[in-house]
C-alpha atoms as a PDB file:
ATOM      1  CA  UNK A   1     -23.399  22.255  14.294  1.00  0.00           C
ATOM      2  CA  UNK A   2     -26.454  20.166  13.413  1.00  0.00           C
ATOM      3  CA  UNK A   3     -28.695  20.770  10.413  1.00  0.00           C
ATOM      4  CA  UNK A   4     -31.473  22.028  12.678  1.00  0.00           C
ATOM      5  CA  UNK A   5     -29.198  24.738  14.087  1.00  0.00           C
ATOM      6  CA  UNK A   6     -28.416  26.287  10.668  1.00  0.00           C
ATOM      7  CA  UNK A   7     -29.845  29.860  10.709  1.00  0.00           C
ATOM      8  CA  UNK A   8     -32.481  30.448   8.038  1.00  0.00           C
ATOM      9  CA  UNK A   9     -32.652  34.045   6.662  1.00  0.00           C
ATOM     10  CA  UNK A  10     -35.821  35.956   7.229  1.00  0.00           C
ATOM     11  CA  UNK A  11     -38.239  36.053   4.389  1.00  0.00           C
ATOM     12  CA  UNK A  12     -39.568  33.324   2.156  1.00  0.00           C
ATOM     13  CA  UNK A  13     -37.583  30.109   1.933  1.00  0.00           C
ATOM     14  CA  UNK A  14     -38.434  27.915  -1.020  1.00  0.00           C
ATOM     15  CA  UNK A  15     -39.504  24.363  -0.361  1.00  0.00           C
ATOM     16  CA  UNK A  16     -36.529  22.732  -2.088  1.00  0.00           C
ATOM     17  CA  UNK A  17     -34.085  24.572   0.167  1.00  0.00           C
ATOM     18  CA  UNK A  18     -36.137  23.771   3.285  1.00  0.00           C
ATOM     19  CA  UNK A  19     -36.117  20.060   2.540  1.00  0.00           C
ATOM     20  CA  UNK A  20     -32.339  19.998   1.979  1.00  0.00           C
ATOM     21  CA  UNK A  21     -31.746  21.543   5.406  1.00  0.00           C
ATOM     22  CA  UNK A  22     -34.144  19.192   7.134  1.00  0.00           C
ATOM     23  CA  UNK A  23     -33.310  15.896   5.488  1.00  0.00           C
ATOM     24  CA  UNK A  24     -29.622  16.353   4.650  1.00  0.00           C
ATOM     25  CA  UNK A  25     -29.734  15.478   0.941  1.00  0.00           C
ATOM     26  CA  UNK A  26     -26.677  15.127  -1.291  1.00  0.00           C
ATOM     27  CA  UNK A  27     -26.368  18.883  -1.607  1.00  0.00           C
ATOM     28  CA  UNK A  28     -26.741  19.505   2.129  1.00  0.00           C
ATOM     29  CA  UNK A  29     -25.500  17.935   5.330  1.00  0.00           C
ATOM     30  CA  UNK A  30     -24.703  14.381   4.116  1.00  0.00           C
ATOM     31  CA  UNK A  31     -21.788  15.771   2.148  1.00  0.00           C
ATOM     32  CA  UNK A  32     -20.566  17.660   5.220  1.00  0.00           C
ATOM     33  CA  UNK A  33     -21.108  14.560   7.343  1.00  0.00           C
ATOM     34  CA  UNK A  34     -19.044  12.378   5.005  1.00  0.00           C
ATOM     35  CA  UNK A  35     -16.234  14.959   5.222  1.00  0.00           C
ATOM     36  CA  UNK A  36     -16.359  14.726   9.013  1.00  0.00           C
ATOM     37  CA  UNK A  37     -16.038  10.981   8.773  1.00  0.00           C
ATOM     38  CA  UNK A  38     -12.815  11.290   6.765  1.00  0.00           C
ATOM     39  CA  UNK A  39     -11.049  13.991   8.927  1.00  0.00           C
ATOM     40  CA  UNK A  40     -11.403  14.773  12.688  1.00  0.00           C
ATOM     41  CA  UNK A  41     -13.037  18.049  13.670  1.00  0.00           C
ATOM     42  CA  UNK A  42      -9.858  19.331  15.404  1.00  0.00           C
ATOM     43  CA  UNK A  43      -7.853  18.876  12.207  1.00  0.00           C
ATOM     44  CA  UNK A  44     -10.510  20.765  10.267  1.00  0.00           C
ATOM     45  CA  UNK A  45     -10.326  23.713  12.688  1.00  0.00           C
ATOM     46  CA  UNK A  46      -6.501  23.661  12.612  1.00  0.00           C
ATOM     47  CA  UNK A  47      -6.376  23.871   8.827  1.00  0.00           C
ATOM     48  CA  UNK A  48      -9.121  26.524   8.703  1.00  0.00           C
ATOM     49  CA  UNK A  49      -7.280  28.768  11.189  1.00  0.00           C
ATOM     50  CA  UNK A  50      -3.971  28.242   9.383  1.00  0.00           C
ATOM     51  CA  UNK A  51      -5.521  29.076   6.007  1.00  0.00           C
ATOM     52  CA  UNK A  52      -7.094  32.257   7.429  1.00  0.00           C
ATOM     53  CA  UNK A  53      -3.780  33.418   8.930  1.00  0.00           C
ATOM     54  CA  UNK A  54      -1.906  32.692   5.679  1.00  0.00           C
ATOM     55  CA  UNK A  55      -4.524  34.555   3.635  1.00  0.00           C
ATOM     56  CA  UNK A  56      -4.351  37.587   5.959  1.00  0.00           C
ATOM     57  CA  UNK A  57      -0.530  37.680   5.827  1.00  0.00           C
ATOM     58  CA  UNK A  58      -0.584  37.429   2.028  1.00  0.00           C
ATOM     59  CA  UNK A  59      -3.078  40.300   1.709  1.00  0.00           C
ATOM     60  CA  UNK A  60      -0.995  42.544   4.006  1.00  0.00           C
ATOM     61  CA  UNK A  61       2.209  41.687   2.141  1.00  0.00           C
ATOM     62  CA  UNK A  62       0.668  42.464  -1.241  1.00  0.00           C
ATOM     63  CA  UNK A  63      -0.786  45.701   0.136  1.00  0.00           C
ATOM     64  CA  UNK A  64       2.648  46.763   1.413  1.00  0.00           C
ATOM     65  CA  UNK A  65       4.306  46.002  -1.921  1.00  0.00           C
ATOM     66  CA  UNK A  66       1.596  47.924  -3.798  1.00  0.00           C
ATOM     67  CA  UNK A  67       2.037  50.907  -1.459  1.00  0.00           C
ATOM     68  CA  UNK A  68       5.816  50.953  -2.006  1.00  0.00           C
ATOM     69  CA  UNK A  69       5.391  50.717  -5.784  1.00  0.00           C
ATOM     70  CA  UNK A  70       2.837  53.543  -5.711  1.00  0.00           C
ATOM     71  CA  UNK A  71       5.122  55.793  -3.627  1.00  0.00           C
ATOM     72  CA  UNK A  72       8.002  55.168  -6.024  1.00  0.00           C
ATOM     73  CA  UNK A  73       5.812  55.904  -9.065  1.00  0.00           C
ATOM     74  CA  UNK A  74       4.705  59.217  -7.533  1.00  0.00           C
ATOM     75  CA  UNK A  75       8.192  60.258  -6.510  1.00  0.00           C
ATOM     76  CA  UNK A  76      10.034  59.205  -9.681  1.00  0.00           C
ATOM     77  CA  UNK A  77       8.737  61.967 -12.017  1.00  0.00           C
ATOM     78  CA  UNK A  78       9.710  64.704  -9.544  1.00  0.00           C
ATOM     79  CA  UNK A  79      13.276  63.374  -9.237  1.00  0.00           C
ATOM     80  CA  UNK A  80      13.525  62.798 -12.990  1.00  0.00           C
ATOM     81  CA  UNK A  81      12.842  66.466 -13.779  1.00  0.00           C
ATOM     82  CA  UNK A  82      16.285  67.628 -12.658  1.00  0.00           C
ATOM     83  CA  UNK A  83      18.918  67.098 -15.325  1.00  0.00           C
ATOM     84  CA  UNK A  84      16.479  65.885 -17.984  1.00  0.00           C
ATOM     85  CA  UNK A  85      17.079  67.419 -21.406  1.00  0.00           C
ATOM     86  CA  UNK A  86      14.254  68.569 -23.650  1.00  0.00           C
ATOM     87  CA  UNK A  87      13.826  69.951 -27.151  1.00  0.00           C
ATOM     88  CA  UNK A  88      11.542  72.914 -27.839  1.00  0.00           C
ATOM     89  CA  UNK A  89       9.960  74.368 -30.977  1.00  0.00           C
ATOM     90  CA  UNK A  90       7.924  77.587 -31.129  1.00  0.00           C
ATOM     91  CA  UNK A  91       6.112  79.625 -33.766  1.00  0.00           C
ATOM     92  CA  UNK A  92       4.157  82.865 -33.709  1.00  0.00           C
ATOM     93  CA  UNK A  93       4.368  86.532 -34.635  1.00  0.00           C
ATOM     94  CA  UNK A  94       6.831  89.394 -34.139  1.00  0.00           C
ATOM     95  CA  UNK A  95       4.910  92.613 -33.468  1.00  0.00           C
ATOM     96  CA  UNK A  96       5.709  96.253 -32.599  1.00  0.00           C
ATOM     97  CA  UNK A  97       9.107  95.935 -34.252  1.00  0.00           C
ATOM     98  CA  UNK A  98      11.224  99.036 -34.634  1.00  0.00           C
ATOM     99  CA  UNK A  99      14.807  99.907 -35.532  1.00  0.00           C
ATOM    100  CA  UNK A 100      15.556 103.410 -34.344  1.00  0.00           C
ATOM    101  CA  UNK A 101      12.698 105.570 -35.657  1.00  0.00           C
ATOM    102  CA  UNK A 102      11.665 103.082 -38.362  1.00  0.00           C
ATOM    103  CA  UNK A 103       8.642 100.896 -37.624  1.00  0.00           C
ATOM    104  CA  UNK A 104       8.289  97.497 -39.243  1.00  0.00           C
ATOM    105  CA  UNK A 105       5.082  95.614 -39.957  1.00  0.00           C
ATOM    106  CA  UNK A 106       4.273  92.393 -38.143  1.00  0.00           C
ATOM    107  CA  UNK A 107       6.080  89.307 -39.339  1.00  0.00           C
ATOM    108  CA  UNK A 108       6.593  85.628 -38.618  1.00  0.00           C
ATOM    109  CA  UNK A 109       8.624  84.367 -35.676  1.00  0.00           C
ATOM    110  CA  UNK A 110       9.740  80.773 -35.251  1.00  0.00           C
ATOM    111  CA  UNK A 111      12.594  78.905 -33.684  1.00  0.00           C
ATOM    112  CA  UNK A 112      13.885  75.862 -31.844  1.00  0.00           C
ATOM    113  CA  UNK A 113      16.179  75.105 -28.962  1.00  0.00           C
ATOM    114  CA  UNK A 114      17.303  72.735 -26.263  1.00  0.00           C
ATOM    115  CA  UNK A 115      17.108  73.029 -22.499  1.00  0.00           C
ATOM    116  CA  UNK A 116      17.393  71.316 -19.148  1.00  0.00           C
ATOM    117  CA  UNK A 117      16.342  71.819 -15.539  1.00  0.00           C
ATOM    118  CA  UNK A 118      18.943  72.575 -12.854  1.00  0.00           C
ATOM    119  CA  UNK A 119      17.271  72.665  -9.453  1.00  0.00           C
ATOM    120  CA  UNK A 120      14.607  75.387  -9.439  1.00  0.00           C
ATOM    121  CA  UNK A 121      15.922  76.978 -12.663  1.00  0.00           C
ATOM    122  CA  UNK A 122      15.235  75.843 -16.226  1.00  0.00           C
ATOM    123  CA  UNK A 123      17.943  76.912 -18.681  1.00  0.00           C
ATOM    124  CA  UNK A 124      17.586  77.013 -22.455  1.00  0.00           C
ATOM    125  CA  UNK A 125      19.557  77.842 -25.620  1.00  0.00           C
ATOM    126  CA  UNK A 126      17.558  78.857 -28.722  1.00  0.00           C
ATOM    127  CA  UNK A 127      17.877  80.079 -32.289  1.00  0.00           C
ATOM    128  CA  UNK A 128      14.883  82.184 -33.408  1.00  0.00           C
ATOM    129  CA  UNK A 129      14.097  83.727 -36.781  1.00  0.00           C
ATOM    130  CA  UNK A 130      12.233  87.053 -36.883  1.00  0.00           C
ATOM    131  CA  UNK A 131      10.895  88.939 -39.887  1.00  0.00           C
ATOM    132  CA  UNK A 132       9.056  92.138 -40.825  1.00  0.00           C
ATOM    133  CA  UNK A 133       8.697  94.746 -43.559  1.00  0.00           C
ATOM    134  CA  UNK A 134       9.482  98.451 -43.475  1.00  0.00           C
ATOM    135  CA  UNK A 135       7.618  99.061 -46.729  1.00  0.00           C
ATOM    136  CA  UNK A 136       6.700  97.203 -49.870  1.00  0.00           C
ATOM    137  CA  UNK A 137      10.294  97.646 -51.030  1.00  0.00           C
ATOM    138  CA  UNK A 138      12.194  96.981 -47.791  1.00  0.00           C
ATOM    139  CA  UNK A 139      12.171  93.646 -45.963  1.00  0.00           C
ATOM    140  CA  UNK A 140      13.911  92.896 -42.725  1.00  0.00           C
ATOM    141  CA  UNK A 141      14.814  89.616 -41.026  1.00  0.00           C
ATOM    142  CA  UNK A 142      17.024  88.550 -38.153  1.00  0.00           C
ATOM    143  CA  UNK A 143      18.418  85.510 -36.415  1.00  0.00           C
ATOM    144  CA  UNK A 144      18.309  85.807 -32.648  1.00  0.00           C
ATOM    145  CA  UNK A 145      20.667  83.432 -30.827  1.00  0.00           C
ATOM    146  CA  UNK A 146      19.807  83.552 -27.150  1.00  0.00           C
ATOM    147  CA  UNK A 147      20.218  81.901 -23.783  1.00  0.00           C
ATOM    148  CA  UNK A 148      17.456  82.008 -21.182  1.00  0.00           C
ATOM    149  CA  UNK A 149      16.812  81.137 -17.551  1.00  0.00           C
ATOM    150  CA  UNK A 150      13.258  80.429 -16.369  1.00  0.00           C
ATOM    151  CA  UNK A 151      11.510  80.025 -13.051  1.00  0.00           C
ATOM    152  CA  UNK A 152       8.407  77.815 -13.270  1.00  0.00           C
ATOM    153  CA  UNK A 153       5.630  78.313 -10.712  1.00  0.00           C
ATOM    154  CA  UNK A 154       3.117  75.451 -10.483  1.00  0.00           C
ATOM    155  CA  UNK A 155      -0.549  76.213 -11.103  1.00  0.00           C
ATOM    156  CA  UNK A 156      -2.083  72.881 -10.140  1.00  0.00           C
ATOM    157  CA  UNK A 157      -0.857  69.429 -11.095  1.00  0.00           C
ATOM    158  CA  UNK A 158      -0.267  70.030 -14.816  1.00  0.00           C
ATOM    159  CA  UNK A 159       0.031  73.797 -15.393  1.00  0.00           C
ATOM    160  CA  UNK A 160       2.768  76.326 -14.632  1.00  0.00           C
ATOM    161  CA  UNK A 161       3.565  80.038 -14.932  1.00  0.00           C
ATOM    162  CA  UNK A 162       7.032  80.770 -16.327  1.00  0.00           C
ATOM    163  CA  UNK A 163       9.036  83.972 -15.879  1.00  0.00           C
ATOM    164  CA  UNK A 164      12.359  84.261 -17.674  1.00  0.00           C
ATOM    165  CA  UNK A 165      15.046  86.408 -19.185  1.00  0.00           C
ATOM    166  CA  UNK A 166      18.391  86.183 -20.873  1.00  0.00           C
ATOM    167  CA  UNK A 167      21.002  87.465 -23.301  1.00  0.00           C
ATOM    168  CA  UNK A 168      20.778  87.743 -27.112  1.00  0.00           C
ATOM    169  CA  UNK A 169      23.097  87.948 -30.077  1.00  0.00           C
ATOM    170  CA  UNK A 170      21.238  89.246 -33.138  1.00  0.00           C
ATOM    171  CA  UNK A 171      22.256  89.047 -36.789  1.00  0.00           C
ATOM    172  CA  UNK A 172      19.945  91.201 -38.933  1.00  0.00           C
ATOM    173  CA  UNK A 173      19.551  91.673 -42.682  1.00  0.00           C
ATOM    174  CA  UNK A 174      17.691  94.402 -44.571  1.00  0.00           C
ATOM    175  CA  UNK A 175      16.909  93.928 -48.258  1.00  0.00           C
ATOM    176  CA  UNK A 176      15.856  96.765 -50.560  1.00  0.00           C
ATOM    177  CA  UNK A 177      15.872  97.124 -54.356  1.00  0.00           C
ATOM    178  CA  UNK A 178      17.929  93.986 -54.788  1.00  0.00           C
ATOM    179  CA  UNK A 179      20.628  95.006 -52.312  1.00  0.00           C
ATOM    180  CA  UNK A 180      21.095  93.782 -48.763  1.00  0.00           C
ATOM    181  CA  UNK A 181      22.641  95.244 -45.645  1.00  0.00           C
ATOM    182  CA  UNK A 182      23.875  93.029 -42.777  1.00  0.00           C
ATOM    183  CA  UNK A 183      24.476  94.048 -39.185  1.00  0.00           C
ATOM    184  CA  UNK A 184      24.671  92.473 -35.769  1.00  0.00           C
ATOM    185  CA  UNK A 185      24.634  93.349 -32.095  1.00  0.00           C
ATOM    186  CA  UNK A 186      23.888  92.156 -28.575  1.00  0.00           C
ATOM    187  CA  UNK A 187      20.917  92.640 -26.315  1.00  0.00           C
ATOM    188  CA  UNK A 188      18.600  91.031 -23.801  1.00  0.00           C
ATOM    189  CA  UNK A 189      15.060  89.738 -23.455  1.00  0.00           C
ATOM    190  CA  UNK A 190      12.459  89.014 -20.776  1.00  0.00           C
ATOM    191  CA  UNK A 191       9.378  86.837 -21.021  1.00  0.00           C
ATOM    192  CA  UNK A 192       6.326  85.412 -19.314  1.00  0.00           C
ATOM    193  CA  UNK A 193       4.504  82.257 -20.332  1.00  0.00           C
ATOM    194  CA  UNK A 194       1.964  79.589 -19.445  1.00  0.00           C
ATOM    195  CA  UNK A 195       2.498  75.880 -19.928  1.00  0.00           C
ATOM    196  CA  UNK A 196       0.491  72.701 -19.490  1.00  0.00           C
ATOM    197  CA  UNK A 197       1.583  69.071 -19.484  1.00  0.00           C
ATOM    198  CA  UNK A 198      -0.515  67.251 -22.103  1.00  0.00           C
ATOM    199  CA  UNK A 199       1.120  63.816 -21.789  1.00  0.00           C
ATOM    200  CA  UNK A 200       4.131  62.125 -20.279  1.00  0.00           C
ATOM    201  CA  UNK A 201       7.179  64.076 -21.499  1.00  0.00           C
ATOM    202  CA  UNK A 202       5.193  66.571 -23.631  1.00  0.00           C
ATOM    203  CA  UNK A 203       4.413  70.142 -22.503  1.00  0.00           C
ATOM    204  CA  UNK A 204       2.509  72.756 -24.532  1.00  0.00           C
ATOM    205  CA  UNK A 205       3.167  76.452 -23.894  1.00  0.00           C
ATOM    206  CA  UNK A 206       2.364  80.017 -24.926  1.00  0.00           C
ATOM    207  CA  UNK A 207       4.864  82.853 -24.421  1.00  0.00           C
ATOM    208  CA  UNK A 208       5.091  86.630 -24.565  1.00  0.00           C
ATOM    209  CA  UNK A 209       8.677  87.883 -25.058  1.00  0.00           C
ATOM    210  CA  UNK A 210      10.189  91.352 -25.345  1.00  0.00           C
ATOM    211  CA  UNK A 211      13.552  91.640 -27.150  1.00  0.00           C
ATOM    212  CA  UNK A 212      15.810  94.710 -27.115  1.00  0.00           C
ATOM    213  CA  UNK A 213      19.214  94.878 -28.822  1.00  0.00           C
ATOM    214  CA  UNK A 214      21.699  97.443 -30.046  1.00  0.00           C
ATOM    215  CA  UNK A 215      22.786  96.845 -33.642  1.00  0.00           C
ATOM    216  CA  UNK A 216      25.839  98.309 -35.345  1.00  0.00           C
ATOM    217  CA  UNK A 217      24.492 100.588 -38.106  1.00  0.00           C
ATOM    218  CA  UNK A 218      26.397 103.273 -40.070  1.00  0.00           C
ATOM    219  CA  UNK A 219      23.696 105.888 -39.613  1.00  0.00           C
ATOM    220  CA  UNK A 220      20.902 106.722 -37.173  1.00  0.00           C
ATOM    221  CA  UNK A 221      20.053 104.653 -34.127  1.00  0.00           C
ATOM    222  CA  UNK A 222      20.651 100.903 -34.000  1.00  0.00           C
ATOM    223  CA  UNK A 223      18.192 100.186 -31.206  1.00  0.00           C
ATOM    224  CA  UNK A 224      16.092  97.172 -32.178  1.00  0.00           C
ATOM    225  CA  UNK A 225      12.902  96.448 -30.237  1.00  0.00           C
ATOM    226  CA  UNK A 226      10.299  93.791 -30.912  1.00  0.00           C
ATOM    227  CA  UNK A 227       7.593  91.813 -29.106  1.00  0.00           C
ATOM    228  CA  UNK A 228       7.183  88.133 -29.913  1.00  0.00           C
ATOM    229  CA  UNK A 229       3.994  86.198 -29.146  1.00  0.00           C
ATOM    230  CA  UNK A 230       4.121  82.496 -29.921  1.00  0.00           C
ATOM    231  CA  UNK A 231       3.087  78.976 -28.974  1.00  0.00           C
ATOM    232  CA  UNK A 232       5.296  75.945 -28.711  1.00  0.00           C
ATOM    233  CA  UNK A 233       5.875  72.466 -27.390  1.00  0.00           C
ATOM    234  CA  UNK A 234       8.603  70.968 -25.219  1.00  0.00           C
ATOM    235  CA  UNK A 235       9.457  67.278 -25.600  1.00  0.00           C
ATOM    236  CA  UNK A 236      11.643  65.367 -23.148  1.00  0.00           C
ATOM    237  CA  UNK A 237      14.620  63.702 -24.865  1.00  0.00           C
END
């Protein structure tokens, strides 16, 4: 290629650039010409083709490695869910609580537990504290030790609907006029909840749970019923 054959873009070309193309100054063709004098044209083409092939192979290799790393990164969280243990803490309110014909006022509900995922089922063991008042003179509280199984249905990439149920063992205490009465019994619960992943290994949730148990009382009915509404967080261990 000679200097005169170099294509000039359309539009205005400044004089300094025009002169370098025409006369071959130090910034133009003389430098290229001196390079030709040092190395034959065939060698130049050989090295140029080799460099292009090497560059193309390197780009494809790096692209393949990046694709494999990306596929592994996407697949790893899904595989890691099974068998991973998590801790959970929840707090809220126990409402519509009754023991036989006696209705209790709303009270606090809080608890903690541990769980894991086994295939499509998430299993959990919890200890929850419930409270309420029958009157200004009578207070009631209970520890609810329960096991649960949940099915989580995805609602997009980060959210899920949870439906669950399980068995309960309840230890209840009633305090009135300085005296206390203790009882216990077994029961069951069912629940529905919504959860959302807020960061890697951290999931926030809200839950509605209905608890029914039969307590051993010396008089009247020992049927305990309560509804618990609470929010919580699950953290992968």
